[in-house]
Protein backbone atom coordinates (compact mmCIF):
# COMPACT_ATOMS: atom_id res chain seq x y z
CA MET A 1 0.05 0.45 -0.31
CA LYS A 2 2.95 2.41 0.74
CA LYS A 3 4.06 1.48 -2.29
CA ASN A 4 1.71 2.43 -4.32
CA ASN A 5 1.14 5.56 -2.69
CA SER A 6 4.57 6.88 -3.14
CA LEU A 7 4.17 5.86 -6.66
CA ASN A 8 1.46 8.09 -7.53
CA LEU A 9 3.68 10.58 -5.57
CA ILE A 10 6.30 10.23 -7.72
CA ILE A 11 3.82 10.41 -10.89
CA CYS A 12 2.07 13.21 -9.44
CA LEU A 13 5.27 15.15 -8.90
CA PHE A 14 6.56 14.31 -12.42
CA ILE A 15 3.20 15.77 -14.11
CA ALA A 16 3.78 18.92 -12.05
CA PHE A 17 7.40 19.31 -12.64
CA ILE A 18 6.51 19.03 -16.75
CA GLY A 19 3.22 21.20 -16.16
CA GLY A 20 5.24 23.71 -14.36
CA GLY A 21 7.98 23.77 -17.12
CA LEU A 22 5.80 23.96 -19.89
CA LEU A 23 4.05 26.99 -18.19
CA MET A 24 7.50 28.89 -17.33
CA TYR A 25 8.74 27.96 -21.11
CA TYR A 26 5.36 29.55 -22.84
CA ILE A 27 5.80 32.93 -20.39
CA PHE A 28 9.27 33.20 -21.01
CA TYR A 29 8.85 32.85 -24.63
CA ASN A 30 6.15 35.35 -25.26
CA THR A 31 8.56 38.21 -23.20
CA ASP A 32 10.39 40.28 -24.65
CA ALA A 33 11.60 41.89 -21.40
CA LEU A 34 10.93 42.99 -17.39
CA ASP A 35 10.65 46.54 -16.79
CA ASN A 36 12.06 48.56 -14.38
CA SER A 37 9.56 47.37 -11.60
CA GLY A 38 9.86 43.77 -12.38
CA THR A 39 6.72 43.58 -13.92
CA THR A 40 6.55 41.12 -16.82
CA VAL A 41 6.44 43.16 -20.59
CA ALA A 42 4.77 40.19 -23.23
CA SER A 43 5.35 41.17 -26.79
CA GLY A 44 3.17 43.77 -28.43
CA ILE A 45 2.34 45.25 -24.80
CA ASN A 46 3.69 48.56 -23.49
CA THR A 47 3.76 49.33 -19.27
CA CYS A 48 2.81 52.34 -18.27
CA LYS A 49 4.94 53.73 -15.94
CA SER A 50 2.42 56.22 -14.48
CA CYS A 51 -0.16 53.42 -13.43
CA ASN A 52 1.91 51.22 -10.65
CA GLY A 53 3.17 48.76 -13.49
CA THR A 54 -0.11 47.90 -14.43
CA VAL A 55 -0.13 46.35 -17.75
CA ILE A 56 -1.75 48.32 -20.69
CA VAL A 57 -2.19 46.36 -24.19
CA ASN A 58 -1.47 48.29 -27.22
CA ASP A 59 -3.01 46.67 -30.39
CA GLY A 60 -0.97 48.47 -32.67
CA SER A 61 -4.49 50.82 -34.32
CA LEU A 62 -3.96 54.48 -35.17
CA SER A 63 -7.27 55.15 -34.24
CA ALA A 64 -6.50 57.40 -31.42
CA ALA A 65 -4.12 59.38 -33.92
CA VAL A 66 -6.43 59.81 -36.83
CA ASP A 67 -9.41 60.83 -33.99
CA LYS A 68 -6.38 63.68 -33.46
CA ILE A 69 -6.26 64.77 -37.20
CA TYR A 70 -9.06 63.78 -38.90
CA ASP A 71 -11.51 66.93 -38.70
CA ALA A 72 -8.54 69.46 -39.53
CA VAL A 73 -8.82 67.82 -43.08
CA MET A 74 -10.54 68.68 -45.44
CA MET A 75 -10.88 67.79 -49.36
CA VAL A 76 -10.10 71.19 -51.70
CA ARG A 77 -12.23 71.77 -54.90
CA ASN A 78 -10.43 73.68 -57.85
CA TYR A 79 -13.15 75.73 -59.62
CA LYS A 80 -12.59 77.08 -63.03
CA GLY A 81 -15.94 79.18 -63.53
CA ASP A 82 -18.72 76.29 -62.82
CA GLN A 83 -16.52 73.31 -63.35
CA ILE A 84 -14.46 71.61 -61.21
CA GLN A 85 -10.97 71.47 -62.41
CA SER A 86 -9.21 69.07 -59.82
CA THR A 87 -9.35 68.50 -56.59
CA GLY A 88 -7.02 67.82 -53.84
CA SER A 89 -6.60 67.68 -50.11
CA GLY A 90 -5.42 69.94 -47.05
CA PHE A 91 -5.32 70.95 -43.32
CA VAL A 92 -6.21 73.72 -41.03
CA TYR A 93 -2.58 74.29 -39.59
CA LYS A 94 -3.96 77.41 -37.36
CA THR A 95 -6.22 79.98 -36.13
CA ASP A 96 -6.57 83.39 -35.09
CA ASP A 97 -9.06 85.74 -33.63
CA LYS A 98 -11.24 85.69 -36.92
CA TYR A 99 -9.90 83.18 -39.61
CA GLY A 100 -8.80 79.58 -40.06
CA TYR A 101 -5.61 79.02 -42.26
CA LEU A 102 -5.33 75.53 -44.05
CA LEU A 103 -2.00 74.52 -45.53
CA THR A 104 -2.27 72.76 -49.47
CA ASN A 105 0.19 71.90 -52.30
CA HIS A 106 -0.10 74.88 -55.36
CA HIS A 107 -0.61 72.68 -58.09
CA VAL A 108 -4.05 71.84 -56.13
CA VAL A 109 -5.25 75.68 -56.14
CA ASP A 110 -3.45 76.89 -59.30
CA GLY A 111 -5.82 78.44 -61.91
CA ALA A 112 -8.51 78.42 -59.70
CA THR A 113 -11.32 80.96 -60.06
CA LYS A 114 -12.82 79.34 -57.07
CA ILE A 115 -11.53 77.35 -53.88
CA THR A 116 -13.98 75.26 -51.43
CA LEU A 117 -13.46 72.83 -48.59
CA ILE A 118 -15.09 69.76 -47.91
CA ARG A 119 -15.06 69.21 -43.97
CA SER A 120 -15.48 65.82 -42.31
CA ASP A 121 -19.00 66.46 -41.92
CA ASP A 122 -19.35 67.04 -45.52
CA GLN A 123 -20.11 70.51 -45.31
CA GLU A 124 -19.01 72.34 -48.27
CA ILE A 125 -17.58 76.40 -47.42
CA GLU A 126 -15.64 78.63 -49.97
CA GLY A 127 -12.18 79.49 -49.23
CA GLU A 128 -9.59 82.29 -50.11
CA VAL A 129 -6.05 81.72 -51.49
CA LEU A 130 -3.50 84.16 -49.60
CA GLY A 131 -0.67 82.88 -51.23
CA SER A 132 0.92 80.67 -53.31
CA ASP A 133 4.30 79.25 -54.28
CA SER A 134 5.13 76.91 -57.40
CA TYR A 135 8.71 75.92 -56.50
CA LEU A 136 7.74 75.27 -53.07
CA ASP A 137 4.42 73.42 -54.25
CA LEU A 138 2.75 74.84 -51.13
CA ALA A 139 -0.23 77.02 -50.64
CA VAL A 140 -2.16 78.85 -47.98
CA VAL A 141 -6.28 78.91 -47.85
CA ARG A 142 -8.10 81.09 -45.52
CA ILE A 143 -11.22 80.45 -44.18
CA ALA A 144 -13.93 81.64 -41.56
CA LYS A 145 -12.94 80.67 -37.53
CA LYS A 146 -16.47 79.47 -37.44
CA ASP A 147 -16.09 76.85 -40.08
CA VAL A 148 -13.20 75.28 -38.25
CA LEU A 149 -13.69 72.11 -36.66
CA ASP A 150 -10.45 71.15 -35.74
CA VAL A 151 -6.43 72.24 -35.75
CA ALA A 152 -3.46 69.97 -36.96
CA SER A 153 -0.39 69.23 -34.49
CA ILE A 154 2.46 70.04 -36.41
CA GLY A 155 5.72 67.96 -35.18
CA THR A 156 8.95 67.30 -36.58
CA SER A 157 10.26 65.35 -39.61
CA GLU A 158 13.98 65.50 -38.55
CA ASN A 159 13.25 63.05 -35.50
CA SER A 160 11.48 60.46 -37.38
CA LYS A 161 13.54 57.65 -38.34
CA LEU A 162 13.38 55.22 -41.41
CA GLY A 163 10.84 52.62 -40.53
CA ASP A 164 8.86 54.83 -38.23
CA THR A 165 4.76 54.26 -38.84
CA VAL A 166 3.28 57.20 -41.05
CA PHE A 167 0.00 57.78 -42.20
CA THR A 168 -2.16 59.97 -44.34
CA VAL A 169 -5.51 61.15 -44.36
CA GLY A 170 -6.69 62.67 -47.53
CA SER A 171 -9.36 62.12 -50.51
CA PRO A 172 -7.86 60.51 -53.16
CA LEU A 173 -9.84 59.80 -56.52
CA GLY A 174 -12.27 62.49 -55.31
CA TYR A 175 -15.68 63.19 -53.80
CA GLU A 176 -16.23 59.35 -53.37
CA TYR A 177 -13.27 58.80 -51.47
CA ARG A 178 -13.18 61.68 -49.59
CA GLY A 179 -11.56 60.80 -45.90
CA THR A 180 -9.59 58.18 -46.61
CA VAL A 181 -6.84 56.91 -44.25
CA THR A 182 -3.65 54.87 -45.79
CA ASP A 183 -0.97 53.83 -43.49
CA GLY A 184 2.75 52.61 -43.95
CA ILE A 185 6.15 53.29 -42.76
CA LEU A 186 8.97 55.97 -43.39
CA SER A 187 10.74 54.83 -46.73
CA GLY A 188 13.26 57.08 -46.72
CA LYS A 189 14.65 61.07 -46.11
CA ASP A 190 16.51 63.41 -47.96
CA ARG A 191 15.46 62.23 -51.41
CA MET A 192 15.94 64.19 -53.72
CA VAL A 193 13.19 64.48 -56.75
CA THR A 194 13.62 65.93 -60.17
CA VAL A 195 9.79 68.01 -60.92
CA SER A 196 8.74 69.69 -63.63
CA ILE A 197 7.38 73.81 -62.52
CA SER A 198 7.44 74.99 -66.55
CA GLY A 199 5.44 72.00 -67.53
CA ASN A 200 8.01 70.78 -70.12
CA SER A 201 10.95 69.68 -68.23
CA ASP A 202 12.24 68.82 -65.13
CA ASP A 203 13.63 71.83 -64.10
CA TYR A 204 13.49 71.74 -60.02
CA VAL A 205 14.11 69.16 -57.87
CA MET A 206 12.38 69.28 -54.24
CA LYS A 207 13.96 67.12 -51.08
CA VAL A 208 11.58 65.39 -49.70
CA LEU A 209 10.49 62.16 -47.29
CA GLN A 210 9.25 59.21 -48.94
CA THR A 211 6.56 56.86 -47.52
CA ASN A 212 5.02 53.34 -48.91
CA ALA A 213 1.57 54.45 -47.94
CA ALA A 214 -0.69 54.64 -50.41
CA VAL A 215 -0.80 57.75 -52.36
CA ASN A 216 -3.08 58.64 -55.10
CA PRO A 217 -4.41 61.63 -56.93
CA GLY A 218 -6.63 63.74 -54.77
CA ASN A 219 -3.91 62.94 -51.71
CA SER A 220 -2.00 66.09 -52.78
CA GLY A 221 -2.07 68.73 -49.80
CA GLY A 222 -3.14 66.50 -47.38
CA PRO A 223 -1.04 65.77 -44.52
CA LEU A 224 1.90 62.96 -43.62
CA LEU A 225 1.65 62.19 -40.08
CA ASN A 226 3.50 60.02 -37.64
CA ALA A 227 1.71 57.46 -34.92
CA GLU A 228 1.39 60.22 -32.84
CA GLY A 229 -1.14 62.03 -35.43
CA GLU A 230 1.35 65.11 -34.94
CA VAL A 231 1.94 66.43 -39.16
CA ILE A 232 5.28 65.83 -40.11
CA GLY A 233 4.72 66.41 -44.27
CA ILE A 234 2.48 67.56 -46.75
CA ILE A 235 2.15 64.89 -49.63
CA SER A 236 3.20 66.75 -52.93
CA LEU A 237 3.69 64.16 -55.51
CA LYS A 238 4.04 60.04 -56.25
CA LEU A 239 6.13 58.14 -58.78
CA VAL A 240 3.65 57.28 -61.36
CA GLU A 241 5.43 54.94 -63.94
CA THR A 242 3.77 51.52 -64.73
CA GLN A 243 6.80 49.40 -62.79
CA VAL A 244 6.76 51.57 -59.77
CA GLU A 245 4.33 51.06 -56.67
CA ASN A 246 4.00 51.90 -52.75
CA MET A 247 6.48 55.28 -53.40
CA GLY A 248 5.08 58.24 -52.12
CA PHE A 249 6.48 61.47 -51.19
CA ALA A 250 5.73 64.74 -48.65
CA ILE A 251 7.58 68.06 -48.37
CA PRO A 252 8.81 67.90 -44.66
CA ILE A 253 6.70 70.22 -42.23
CA GLU A 254 9.77 71.99 -41.09
CA TYR A 255 10.64 73.82 -44.85
CA ALA A 256 6.60 74.41 -45.33
CA MET A 257 6.65 76.29 -42.09
CA SER A 258 9.48 78.23 -42.36
CA HIS A 259 7.72 79.87 -45.48
CA ILE A 260 4.61 80.24 -43.95
CA GLU A 261 4.84 84.10 -43.21
CA ASN A 262 5.31 85.00 -46.65
CA LEU A 263 2.69 82.61 -47.68
CA GLU A 264 0.04 83.72 -45.50
CA LYS A 265 0.72 87.62 -46.19
CA GLY A 266 0.77 86.75 -50.08
CA ASN A 267 3.67 88.66 -50.67
CA ALA A 268 5.50 87.02 -53.73
CA LEU A 269 8.57 84.94 -52.84
CA VAL A 270 12.05 87.12 -53.96
CA ARG A 271 13.96 84.39 -55.35
CA PRO A 272 18.16 85.41 -56.29
CA MET A 273 19.76 84.83 -59.83
CA LEU A 274 22.97 84.20 -60.69
CA GLY A 275 22.44 86.22 -64.14
CA ILE A 276 23.31 83.58 -66.85
CA SER A 277 21.68 81.46 -69.50
CA MET A 278 22.47 77.94 -69.16
CA ILE A 279 22.16 74.46 -70.99
CA ASN A 280 22.82 71.01 -69.19
CA VAL A 281 26.25 69.40 -69.99
CA ASN A 282 24.33 66.63 -71.66
CA ASP A 283 22.15 68.48 -73.88
CA THR A 284 24.60 67.86 -76.87
CA TYR A 285 21.70 69.37 -79.35
CA SER A 286 21.74 72.80 -77.66
CA LEU A 287 25.17 72.94 -77.26
CA TYR A 288 25.76 71.98 -80.61
CA ARG A 289 23.34 75.33 -81.59
CA SER A 290 25.22 77.88 -79.53
CA GLY A 291 28.68 76.17 -80.50
CA ILE A 292 30.10 74.83 -77.51
CA MET A 293 31.81 71.88 -77.59
CA LEU A 294 32.60 69.80 -74.31
CA ASP A 295 35.45 66.98 -73.37
CA LYS A 296 33.18 63.47 -73.32
CA SER A 297 34.42 62.99 -69.74
CA ILE A 298 31.98 66.20 -68.33
CA THR A 299 28.79 64.36 -67.67
CA ASP A 300 27.87 67.02 -64.57
CA GLY A 301 26.97 70.47 -64.46
CA VAL A 302 25.60 73.79 -66.52
CA VAL A 303 27.21 75.39 -69.20
CA VAL A 304 27.08 78.94 -69.36
CA VAL A 305 25.27 80.39 -72.60
CA GLU A 306 25.24 83.99 -71.87
CA VAL A 307 26.11 86.20 -69.24
CA SER A 308 23.33 89.07 -68.81
CA LYS A 309 24.43 92.54 -68.25
CA ASP A 310 24.74 94.36 -64.81
CA SER A 311 24.13 91.00 -63.02
CA GLY A 312 25.87 89.35 -60.49
CA ALA A 313 27.54 86.87 -63.41
CA SER A 314 28.57 89.92 -65.20
CA LYS A 315 30.55 91.03 -62.24
CA SER A 316 32.46 87.98 -62.27
CA ASP A 317 34.93 85.53 -63.89
CA LEU A 318 32.09 83.76 -65.50
CA GLN A 319 31.95 83.58 -69.33
CA LYS A 320 30.08 81.27 -72.22
CA GLY A 321 31.04 78.17 -72.73
CA ASP A 322 32.05 77.46 -68.72
CA VAL A 323 30.70 74.37 -66.62
CA ILE A 324 29.22 75.19 -63.26
CA ILE A 325 29.98 72.17 -61.09
CA LYS A 326 29.28 73.42 -57.45
CA LEU A 327 27.62 76.30 -55.61
CA ASN A 328 29.50 76.94 -52.44
CA ASP A 329 30.83 73.46 -52.29
CA GLU A 330 27.75 71.65 -53.50
CA LYS A 331 27.89 69.78 -56.09
CA ILE A 332 26.02 70.74 -59.23
CA ALA A 333 24.49 67.64 -61.34
CA ASN A 334 21.92 69.74 -63.88
CA TYR A 335 20.07 73.28 -63.95
CA ALA A 336 17.36 71.63 -61.69
CA TYR A 337 20.11 71.07 -58.57
CA LEU A 338 21.39 74.63 -59.48
CA ARG A 339 18.46 76.27 -58.90
CA TYR A 340 17.56 74.20 -55.63
CA GLU A 341 21.10 75.02 -54.35
CA LEU A 342 20.94 78.64 -55.63
CA TYR A 343 17.29 79.46 -53.96
CA LYS A 344 18.86 78.54 -50.48
CA TYR A 345 20.13 82.09 -50.81
CA ASN A 346 18.75 85.18 -51.20
CA VAL A 347 19.46 88.79 -53.21
CA GLY A 348 22.43 90.05 -51.94
CA ASP A 349 24.35 86.90 -50.86
CA THR A 350 27.98 86.40 -51.86
CA ILE A 351 28.42 82.71 -53.45
CA THR A 352 31.68 81.25 -54.87
CA VAL A 353 30.86 79.32 -57.50
CA THR A 354 33.36 76.89 -58.87
CA TYR A 355 33.16 75.73 -62.82
CA LEU A 356 35.36 74.11 -65.64
CA ARG A 357 37.25 75.97 -68.18
CA ASP A 358 40.06 74.51 -70.60
CA GLY A 359 39.71 71.33 -68.54
CA LYS A 360 40.76 73.53 -65.56
CA GLU A 361 38.91 74.06 -62.44
CA HIS A 362 38.54 77.58 -60.83
CA THR A 363 36.44 79.58 -58.92
CA THR A 364 34.67 82.76 -58.44
CA LYS A 365 32.41 85.26 -56.24
CA VAL A 366 29.29 86.04 -57.88
CA THR A 367 26.83 88.33 -55.74
CA LEU A 368 23.63 87.52 -55.88
CA THR A 369 20.60 89.91 -57.35
CA GLU A 370 16.94 89.75 -57.68
CA TYR A 371 15.55 87.46 -60.69
CA LYS A 372 12.54 89.70 -62.27
CA GLU A 373 10.04 87.05 -64.59
CA ASP A 374 9.54 89.02 -68.44
């Protein structure tokens, strides 16, 4: 009898040992770490330090962040006469005593005779374009303060890291899909993307953020947001080649806000110029017509075709046939990059221009003058 009891005890202990081992294995297998208070934090779970170690489940939802921005985003309608010319998105970034101010893209409002905005509650209101700039691809639209439902929180893209969760709110493909939310990650920073300003050439570059969140026509002007619902960029353009997917781009919010005062005042941005006519080094036909021959080893830069009278360049050493390869030590690949670097400076600034002539590298100083459209 005692023998049977001992055997039963051994079997029970063995089962308890095995069961306990399996339980501990399960716990530690599904545990990433212990927090400072000794509370076990399971994978995908956050510990609230202000809750005395209470474990708070985080299911990865962005709903709280979406709620934070959703009513600040509006669909933008661009009218020419009585006809809708195009649509886009925008968001309210501030209010004052009388008005609300909405940020969007220049190309969303360009050419409009009337701008209307559709709020998240589906009410359509009228807006007034205060200022807009094609090179920035930014515009400010003013509305009555009573028409503002919410104001976006402005964050920073500088602290964002590759792989961070981001999302957009906008109106892809127009009215039917207004208020669409898409998410993804921050795929790239400081991307230099060539764009067309004049409509017939790639004449400018923009330094932008890259995301794989779905971006489609109608998202332009809408916010790119971090997981806290703070705006870190303004959706501006998308690679649309048929073989490319999930590559959307946004203007960093810091860059946009640095120009916001001029846009609000409707001031035309004063841009500097060197005072030259130029051709890309790879534009062999135009170079031939201008009577300029280059060494085949020169693959980057812009060629001076003509120096304008009474300009900064006219008081420098630059002359026809010189190949500009740097502005203040920043390399110049073509005239899109030259404009990008040049527009960092103000009228009256003096910069160093590095150029090639007769196979040798030279430098000269140019004091920038004001660019005036013909």
